[in-house]
PDB file of N, CA and C in Angstrom:
ATOM      1  N   UNK A   1      43.035 -87.644  12.807  1.00  0.00           N
ATOM      2  CA  UNK A   1      42.204 -88.128  14.358  1.00  0.00           C
ATOM      3  C   UNK A   1      40.744 -87.886  14.130  1.00  0.00           C
ATOM      4  N   UNK A   2      40.248 -88.458  14.320  1.00  0.00           N
ATOM      5  CA  UNK A   2      38.919 -88.892  14.120  1.00  0.00           C
ATOM      6  C   UNK A   2      38.136 -89.005  15.911  1.00  0.00           C
ATOM      7  N   UNK A   3      37.008 -88.360  15.655  1.00  0.00           N
ATOM      8  CA  UNK A   3      35.824 -88.345  17.160  1.00  0.00           C
ATOM      9  C   UNK A   3      34.471 -88.812  16.675  1.00  0.00           C
ATOM     10  N   UNK A   4      33.585 -89.424  16.993  1.00  0.00           N
ATOM     11  CA  UNK A   4      32.460 -89.547  17.349  1.00  0.00           C
ATOM     12  C   UNK A   4      31.994 -89.032  18.354  1.00  0.00           C
ATOM     13  N   UNK A   5      31.253 -88.104  18.452  1.00  0.00           N
ATOM     14  CA  UNK A   5      30.329 -87.506  19.306  1.00  0.00           C
ATOM     15  C   UNK A   5      28.749 -88.009  19.309  1.00  0.00           C
ATOM     16  N   UNK A   6      28.145 -88.089  20.874  1.00  0.00           N
ATOM     17  CA  UNK A   6      26.494 -88.624  20.487  1.00  0.00           C
ATOM     18  C   UNK A   6      25.926 -86.851  21.110  1.00  0.00           C
ATOM     19  N   UNK A   7      24.871 -86.442  20.047  1.00  0.00           N
ATOM     20  CA  UNK A   7      23.795 -85.067  20.427  1.00  0.00           C
ATOM     21  C   UNK A   7      22.548 -85.591  20.710  1.00  0.00           C
ATOM     22  N   UNK A   8      21.920 -85.131  21.127  1.00  0.00           N
ATOM     23  CA  UNK A   8      20.409 -85.203  21.256  1.00  0.00           C
ATOM     24  C   UNK A   8      19.628 -84.834  19.763  1.00  0.00           C
ATOM     25  N   UNK A   9      18.153 -85.535  19.950  1.00  0.00           N
ATOM     26  CA  UNK A   9      17.701 -85.606  18.715  1.00  0.00           C
ATOM     27  C   UNK A   9      17.011 -84.102  18.336  1.00  0.00           C
ATOM     28  N   UNK A  10      17.107 -83.373  19.215  1.00  0.00           N
ATOM     29  CA  UNK A  10      16.687 -81.828  19.798  1.00  0.00           C
ATOM     30  C   UNK A  10      17.876 -80.912  18.931  1.00  0.00           C
ATOM     31  N   UNK A  11      19.247 -81.489  19.347  1.00  0.00           N
ATOM     32  CA  UNK A  11      20.087 -80.435  18.857  1.00  0.00           C
ATOM     33  C   UNK A  11      20.748 -80.719  17.426  1.00  0.00           C
ATOM     34  N   UNK A  12      20.258 -82.180  17.286  1.00  0.00           N
ATOM     35  CA  UNK A  12      20.501 -82.751  15.738  1.00  0.00           C
ATOM     36  C   UNK A  12      18.876 -82.136  14.679  1.00  0.00           C
ATOM     37  N   UNK A  13      18.442 -81.768  15.205  1.00  0.00           N
ATOM     38  CA  UNK A  13      17.427 -81.295  14.486  1.00  0.00           C
ATOM     39  C   UNK A  13      17.592 -79.847  14.336  1.00  0.00           C
ATOM     40  N   UNK A  14      18.077 -79.171  15.098  1.00  0.00           N
ATOM     41  CA  UNK A  14      18.358 -77.304  15.055  1.00  0.00           C
ATOM     42  C   UNK A  14      19.552 -77.569  13.958  1.00  0.00           C
ATOM     43  N   UNK A  15      20.532 -78.459  13.937  1.00  0.00           N
ATOM     44  CA  UNK A  15      21.653 -78.219  13.179  1.00  0.00           C
ATOM     45  C   UNK A  15      21.109 -77.834  11.731  1.00  0.00           C
ATOM     46  N   UNK A  16      20.287 -79.579  11.585  1.00  0.00           N
ATOM     47  CA  UNK A  16      19.876 -79.958  10.258  1.00  0.00           C
ATOM     48  C   UNK A  16      19.515 -78.988   9.602  1.00  0.00           C
ATOM     49  N   UNK A  17      18.650 -78.260  10.592  1.00  0.00           N
ATOM     50  CA  UNK A  17      17.705 -76.609  10.203  1.00  0.00           C
ATOM     51  C   UNK A  17      18.174 -76.042   9.494  1.00  0.00           C
ATOM     52  N   UNK A  18      19.251 -75.583  10.684  1.00  0.00           N
ATOM     53  CA  UNK A  18      20.342 -74.550   9.827  1.00  0.00           C
ATOM     54  C   UNK A  18      21.551 -74.661   8.457  1.00  0.00           C
ATOM     55  N   UNK A  19      21.453 -76.293   8.968  1.00  0.00           N
ATOM     56  CA  UNK A  19      22.418 -76.254   7.631  1.00  0.00           C
ATOM     57  C   UNK A  19      21.832 -76.439   6.304  1.00  0.00           C
ATOM     58  N   UNK A  20      20.294 -76.910   6.338  1.00  0.00           N
ATOM     59  CA  UNK A  20      19.414 -77.124   5.197  1.00  0.00           C
ATOM     60  C   UNK A  20      19.849 -75.259   5.055  1.00  0.00           C
ATOM     61  N   UNK A  21      19.278 -74.317   5.866  1.00  0.00           N
ATOM     62  CA  UNK A  21      18.869 -73.192   5.155  1.00  0.00           C
ATOM     63  C   UNK A  21      20.188 -72.228   4.854  1.00  0.00           C
ATOM     64  N   UNK A  22      21.469 -73.027   5.086  1.00  0.00           N
ATOM     65  CA  UNK A  22      22.674 -71.868   4.504  1.00  0.00           C
ATOM     66  C   UNK A  22      22.813 -73.142   3.171  1.00  0.00           C
ATOM     67  N   UNK A  23      22.179 -74.191   2.814  1.00  0.00           N
ATOM     68  CA  UNK A  23      22.618 -74.892   2.071  1.00  0.00           C
ATOM     69  C   UNK A  23      23.445 -76.220   1.777  1.00  0.00           C
ATOM     70  N   UNK A  24      23.676 -76.285   3.540  1.00  0.00           N
ATOM     71  CA  UNK A  24      25.193 -76.944   3.984  1.00  0.00           C
ATOM     72  C   UNK A  24      24.994 -78.329   4.066  1.00  0.00           C
ATOM     73  N   UNK A  25      25.439 -79.421   4.137  1.00  0.00           N
ATOM     74  CA  UNK A  25      25.257 -80.324   4.622  1.00  0.00           C
ATOM     75  C   UNK A  25      25.496 -80.810   6.036  1.00  0.00           C
ATOM     76  N   UNK A  26      24.542 -81.570   7.026  1.00  0.00           N
ATOM     77  CA  UNK A  26      24.424 -81.515   8.299  1.00  0.00           C
ATOM     78  C   UNK A  26      26.156 -81.465   8.855  1.00  0.00           C
ATOM     79  N   UNK A  27      27.165 -82.413   7.903  1.00  0.00           N
ATOM     80  CA  UNK A  27      27.947 -82.531   8.372  1.00  0.00           C
ATOM     81  C   UNK A  27      29.702 -81.523   9.072  1.00  0.00           C
ATOM     82  N   UNK A  28      29.200 -81.113   7.233  1.00  0.00           N
ATOM     83  CA  UNK A  28      29.636 -79.928   6.608  1.00  0.00           C
ATOM     84  C   UNK A  28      29.893 -78.337   7.776  1.00  0.00           C
ATOM     85  N   UNK A  29      28.393 -78.790   8.148  1.00  0.00           N
ATOM     86  CA  UNK A  29      27.823 -76.997   9.205  1.00  0.00           C
ATOM     87  C   UNK A  29      27.880 -77.525  10.648  1.00  0.00           C
ATOM     88  N   UNK A  30      28.306 -78.929  10.882  1.00  0.00           N
ATOM     89  CA  UNK A  30      28.563 -78.919  12.058  1.00  0.00           C
ATOM     90  C   UNK A  30      30.138 -78.967  12.415  1.00  0.00           C
ATOM     91  N   UNK A  31      30.594 -79.691  11.424  1.00  0.00           N
ATOM     92  CA  UNK A  31      31.879 -79.130  11.451  1.00  0.00           C
ATOM     93  C   UNK A  31      32.444 -77.702  10.830  1.00  0.00           C
ATOM     94  N   UNK A  32      32.262 -76.991  10.604  1.00  0.00           N
ATOM     95  CA  UNK A  32      32.770 -75.447  10.772  1.00  0.00           C
ATOM     96  C   UNK A  32      31.815 -74.630  11.592  1.00  0.00           C
ATOM     97  N   UNK A  33      30.993 -75.373  12.012  1.00  0.00           N
ATOM     98  CA  UNK A  33      30.620 -74.889  13.539  1.00  0.00           C
ATOM     99  C   UNK A  33      31.484 -75.328  14.667  1.00  0.00           C
ATOM    100  N   UNK A  34      31.662 -76.740  14.876  1.00  0.00           N
ATOM    101  CA  UNK A  34      33.243 -76.886  15.590  1.00  0.00           C
ATOM    102  C   UNK A  34      34.396 -75.972  15.649  1.00  0.00           C
ATOM    103  N   UNK A  35      34.813 -75.989  13.899  1.00  0.00           N
ATOM    104  CA  UNK A  35      35.729 -75.047  13.992  1.00  0.00           C
ATOM    105  C   UNK A  35      35.875 -73.841  14.472  1.00  0.00           C
ATOM    106  N   UNK A  36      34.621 -73.174  14.098  1.00  0.00           N
ATOM    107  CA  UNK A  36      34.803 -71.667  14.694  1.00  0.00           C
ATOM    108  C   UNK A  36      34.652 -71.416  16.284  1.00  0.00           C
ATOM    109  N   UNK A  37      33.949 -72.482  17.006  1.00  0.00           N
ATOM    110  CA  UNK A  37      34.361 -72.451  18.123  1.00  0.00           C
ATOM    111  C   UNK A  37      35.511 -72.854  18.659  1.00  0.00           C
ATOM    112  N   UNK A  38      36.663 -73.638  18.237  1.00  0.00           N
ATOM    113  CA  UNK A  38      37.495 -73.904  18.479  1.00  0.00           C
ATOM    114  C   UNK A  38      38.705 -72.654  18.156  1.00  0.00           C
ATOM    115  N   UNK A  39      38.330 -72.023  17.262  1.00  0.00           N
ATOM    116  CA  UNK A  39      39.645 -71.077  16.587  1.00  0.00           C
ATOM    117  C   UNK A  39      38.995 -69.196  17.541  1.00  0.00           C
ATOM    118  N   UNK A  40      37.605 -69.135  17.914  1.00  0.00           N
ATOM    119  CA  UNK A  40      36.633 -68.366  18.918  1.00  0.00           C
ATOM    120  C   UNK A  40      37.352 -67.799  20.345  1.00  0.00           C
ATOM    121  N   UNK A  41      38.374 -66.684  20.387  1.00  0.00           N
ATOM    122  CA  UNK A  41      39.038 -66.358  21.784  1.00  0.00           C
ATOM    123  C   UNK A  41      38.081 -66.642  22.479  1.00  0.00           C
ATOM    124  N   UNK A  42      38.827 -67.055  23.668  1.00  0.00           N
ATOM    125  CA  UNK A  42      37.755 -66.752  25.338  1.00  0.00           C
ATOM    126  C   UNK A  42      37.961 -65.688  25.918  1.00  0.00           C
ATOM    127  N   UNK A  43      36.955 -65.034  26.330  1.00  0.00           N
ATOM    128  CA  UNK A  43      36.931 -63.432  27.071  1.00  0.00           C
ATOM    129  C   UNK A  43      38.078 -63.096  27.421  1.00  0.00           C
ATOM    130  N   UNK A  44      38.903 -64.270  28.395  1.00  0.00           N
ATOM    131  CA  UNK A  44      40.145 -63.975  29.165  1.00  0.00           C
ATOM    132  C   UNK A  44      41.051 -63.928  28.460  1.00  0.00           C
ATOM    133  N   UNK A  45      41.272 -64.376  27.133  1.00  0.00           N
ATOM    134  CA  UNK A  45      42.418 -64.018  26.351  1.00  0.00           C
ATOM    135  C   UNK A  45      41.986 -62.870  25.315  1.00  0.00           C
ATOM    136  N   UNK A  46      40.586 -62.715  25.013  1.00  0.00           N
ATOM    137  CA  UNK A  46      40.487 -61.821  24.233  1.00  0.00           C
ATOM    138  C   UNK A  46      41.055 -60.348  25.172  1.00  0.00           C
ATOM    139  N   UNK A  47      40.709 -60.326  26.145  1.00  0.00           N
ATOM    140  CA  UNK A  47      41.307 -59.358  27.146  1.00  0.00           C
ATOM    141  C   UNK A  47      42.348 -59.099  27.649  1.00  0.00           C
ATOM    142  N   UNK A  48      43.299 -60.343  27.214  1.00  0.00           N
ATOM    143  CA  UNK A  48      45.076 -60.259  28.198  1.00  0.00           C
ATOM    144  C   UNK A  48      45.906 -59.301  27.795  1.00  0.00           C
ATOM    145  N   UNK A  49      45.445 -58.670  27.108  1.00  0.00           N
ATOM    146  CA  UNK A  49      46.317 -57.401  26.636  1.00  0.00           C
ATOM    147  C   UNK A  49      45.833 -56.491  27.535  1.00  0.00           C
ATOM    148  N   UNK A  50      44.621 -56.348  27.591  1.00  0.00           N
ATOM    149  CA  UNK A  50      44.286 -55.443  28.495  1.00  0.00           C
ATOM    150  C   UNK A  50      44.642 -55.188  29.841  1.00  0.00           C
ATOM    151  N   UNK A  51      44.127 -56.525  30.414  1.00  0.00           N
ATOM    152  CA  UNK A  51      44.503 -57.235  31.556  1.00  0.00           C
ATOM    153  C   UNK A  51      45.921 -56.662  31.975  1.00  0.00           C
ATOM    154  N   UNK A  52      46.962 -57.095  31.114  1.00  0.00           N
ATOM    155  CA  UNK A  52      48.392 -57.022  31.246  1.00  0.00           C
ATOM    156  C   UNK A  52      48.617 -55.141  31.466  1.00  0.00           C
ATOM    157  N   UNK A  53      48.222 -54.727  30.642  1.00  0.00           N
ATOM    158  CA  UNK A  53      48.081 -52.917  30.410  1.00  0.00           C
ATOM    159  C   UNK A  53      47.672 -52.617  31.905  1.00  0.00           C
ATOM    160  N   UNK A  54      46.605 -52.626  32.298  1.00  0.00           N
ATOM    161  CA  UNK A  54      46.303 -52.721  33.781  1.00  0.00           C
ATOM    162  C   UNK A  54      46.985 -52.877  34.958  1.00  0.00           C
ATOM    163  N   UNK A  55      47.812 -53.925  34.670  1.00  0.00           N
ATOM    164  CA  UNK A  55      48.658 -54.560  35.545  1.00  0.00           C
ATOM    165  C   UNK A  55      49.757 -53.456  36.035  1.00  0.00           C
ATOM    166  N   UNK A  56      50.056 -53.235  34.894  1.00  0.00           N
ATOM    167  CA  UNK A  56      51.493 -52.535  34.132  1.00  0.00           C
ATOM    168  C   UNK A  56      51.152 -51.213  34.886  1.00  0.00           C
ATOM    169  N   UNK A  57      50.447 -50.610  34.789  1.00  0.00           N
ATOM    170  CA  UNK A  57      49.766 -48.673  35.141  1.00  0.00           C
ATOM    171  C   UNK A  57      49.431 -49.312  36.936  1.00  0.00           C
ATOM    172  N   UNK A  58      49.323 -50.827  37.434  1.00  0.00           N
ATOM    173  CA  UNK A  58      49.682 -50.662  38.910  1.00  0.00           C
ATOM    174  C   UNK A  58      47.680 -50.388  39.537  1.00  0.00           C
ATOM    175  N   UNK A  59      47.437 -50.285  38.874  1.00  0.00           N
ATOM    176  CA  UNK A  59      45.442 -50.340  38.956  1.00  0.00           C
ATOM    177  C   UNK A  59      45.168 -51.474  40.102  1.00  0.00           C
ATOM    178  N   UNK A  60      44.592 -51.403  41.506  1.00  0.00           N
ATOM    179  CA  UNK A  60      43.677 -52.681  41.461  1.00  0.00           C
ATOM    180  C   UNK A  60      42.627 -52.868  41.396  1.00  0.00           C
ATOM    181  N   UNK A  61      42.166 -53.976  41.185  1.00  0.00           N
ATOM    182  CA  UNK A  61      40.981 -54.567  41.158  1.00  0.00           C
ATOM    183  C   UNK A  61      39.835 -54.041  41.692  1.00  0.00           C
ATOM    184  N   UNK A  62      40.232 -53.449  42.851  1.00  0.00           N
ATOM    185  CA  UNK A  62      39.361 -52.366  42.916  1.00  0.00           C
ATOM    186  C   UNK A  62      38.918 -50.967  42.802  1.00  0.00           C
ATOM    187  N   UNK A  63      40.101 -50.359  42.202  1.00  0.00           N
ATOM    188  CA  UNK A  63      40.052 -49.289  41.774  1.00  0.00           C
ATOM    189  C   UNK A  63      39.365 -49.332  40.245  1.00  0.00           C
ATOM    190  N   UNK A  64      39.635 -50.618  39.387  1.00  0.00           N
ATOM    191  CA  UNK A  64      38.924 -51.084  38.560  1.00  0.00           C
ATOM    192  C   UNK A  64      37.330 -50.968  38.671  1.00  0.00           C
ATOM    193  N   UNK A  65      37.292 -51.553  39.320  1.00  0.00           N
ATOM    194  CA  UNK A  65      35.871 -51.796  39.432  1.00  0.00           C
ATOM    195  C   UNK A  65      34.945 -50.578  39.948  1.00  0.00           C
ATOM    196  N   UNK A  66      35.632 -49.943  40.718  1.00  0.00           N
ATOM    197  CA  UNK A  66      34.773 -47.966  40.611  1.00  0.00           C
ATOM    198  C   UNK A  66      34.844 -47.624  39.226  1.00  0.00           C
ATOM    199  N   UNK A  67      35.749 -47.983  38.554  1.00  0.00           N
ATOM    200  CA  UNK A  67      35.746 -46.758  37.796  1.00  0.00           C
ATOM    201  C   UNK A  67      35.058 -47.400  36.807  1.00  0.00           C
ATOM    202  N   UNK A  68      34.841 -48.713  36.266  1.00  0.00           N
ATOM    203  CA  UNK A  68      33.593 -49.232  35.454  1.00  0.00           C
ATOM    204  C   UNK A  68      32.508 -49.006  36.265  1.00  0.00           C
ATOM    205  N   UNK A  69      32.363 -49.152  37.137  1.00  0.00           N
ATOM    206  CA  UNK A  69      30.885 -48.562  37.623  1.00  0.00           C
ATOM    207  C   UNK A  69      30.561 -47.362  37.612  1.00  0.00           C
ATOM    208  N   UNK A  70      31.643 -46.226  37.884  1.00  0.00           N
ATOM    209  CA  UNK A  70      31.380 -44.815  37.426  1.00  0.00           C
ATOM    210  C   UNK A  70      31.208 -44.715  36.093  1.00  0.00           C
ATOM    211  N   UNK A  71      31.656 -45.612  34.871  1.00  0.00           N
ATOM    212  CA  UNK A  71      31.307 -45.377  33.628  1.00  0.00           C
ATOM    213  C   UNK A  71      30.048 -45.642  33.141  1.00  0.00           C
ATOM    214  N   UNK A  72      29.949 -46.687  33.817  1.00  0.00           N
ATOM    215  CA  UNK A  72      28.482 -47.396  33.108  1.00  0.00           C
ATOM    216  C   UNK A  72      27.603 -46.681  33.978  1.00  0.00           C
ATOM    217  N   UNK A  73      27.774 -45.724  35.467  1.00  0.00           N
ATOM    218  CA  UNK A  73      26.587 -44.881  35.321  1.00  0.00           C
ATOM    219  C   UNK A  73      26.509 -43.752  34.913  1.00  0.00           C
ATOM    220  N   UNK A  74      27.257 -43.334  34.366  1.00  0.00           N
ATOM    221  CA  UNK A  74      27.605 -42.197  33.334  1.00  0.00           C
ATOM    222  C   UNK A  74      26.869 -42.263  31.897  1.00  0.00           C
ATOM    223  N   UNK A  75      26.817 -43.584  31.514  1.00  0.00           N
ATOM    224  CA  UNK A  75      26.067 -43.741  30.126  1.00  0.00           C
ATOM    225  C   UNK A  75      25.041 -43.959  30.381  1.00  0.00           C
ATOM    226  N   UNK A  76      25.008 -44.527  31.773  1.00  0.00           N
ATOM    227  CA  UNK A  76      23.343 -44.488  32.064  1.00  0.00           C
ATOM    228  C   UNK A  76      22.447 -43.292  32.081  1.00  0.00           C
ATOM    229  N   UNK A  77      23.109 -42.345  33.003  1.00  0.00           N
ATOM    230  CA  UNK A  77      22.979 -41.598  33.233  1.00  0.00           C
ATOM    231  C   UNK A  77      22.350 -40.527  31.511  1.00  0.00           C
ATOM    232  N   UNK A  78      23.358 -40.718  30.907  1.00  0.00           N
ATOM    233  CA  UNK A  78      23.147 -40.016  29.441  1.00  0.00           C
ATOM    234  C   UNK A  78      22.140 -40.522  28.330  1.00  0.00           C
ATOM    235  N   UNK A  79      21.786 -41.984  29.058  1.00  0.00           N
ATOM    236  CA  UNK A  79      20.741 -42.725  28.078  1.00  0.00           C
ATOM    237  C   UNK A  79      19.240 -42.140  28.533  1.00  0.00           C
ATOM    238  N   UNK A  80      19.453 -41.691  30.116  1.00  0.00           N
ATOM    239  CA  UNK A  80      17.872 -41.485  30.591  1.00  0.00           C
ATOM    240  C   UNK A  80      17.473 -39.808  30.087  1.00  0.00           C
ATOM    241  N   UNK A  81      18.216 -39.174  29.865  1.00  0.00           N
ATOM    242  CA  UNK A  81      17.698 -38.033  29.362  1.00  0.00           C
ATOM    243  C   UNK A  81      18.914 -36.579  29.006  1.00  0.00           C
TER     244      UNK A  81
END
């Protein structure tokens, strides 16, 4: 299957510059970038197992939010002094 996409001149110039910096042709660089994007899991996919574990523990969204906020506050306090 083949596809043709239209991109702005600005994006084309950015991609061409990065391709040249890596010693690659425009098409090769663009194809590799698209392949990486397609292979990179979404945040939801990356944390699906964590969500399942949390649900298995029976922790509500509100409880989880409270625990996360407390942990973030603790880190901030440690970094301040």
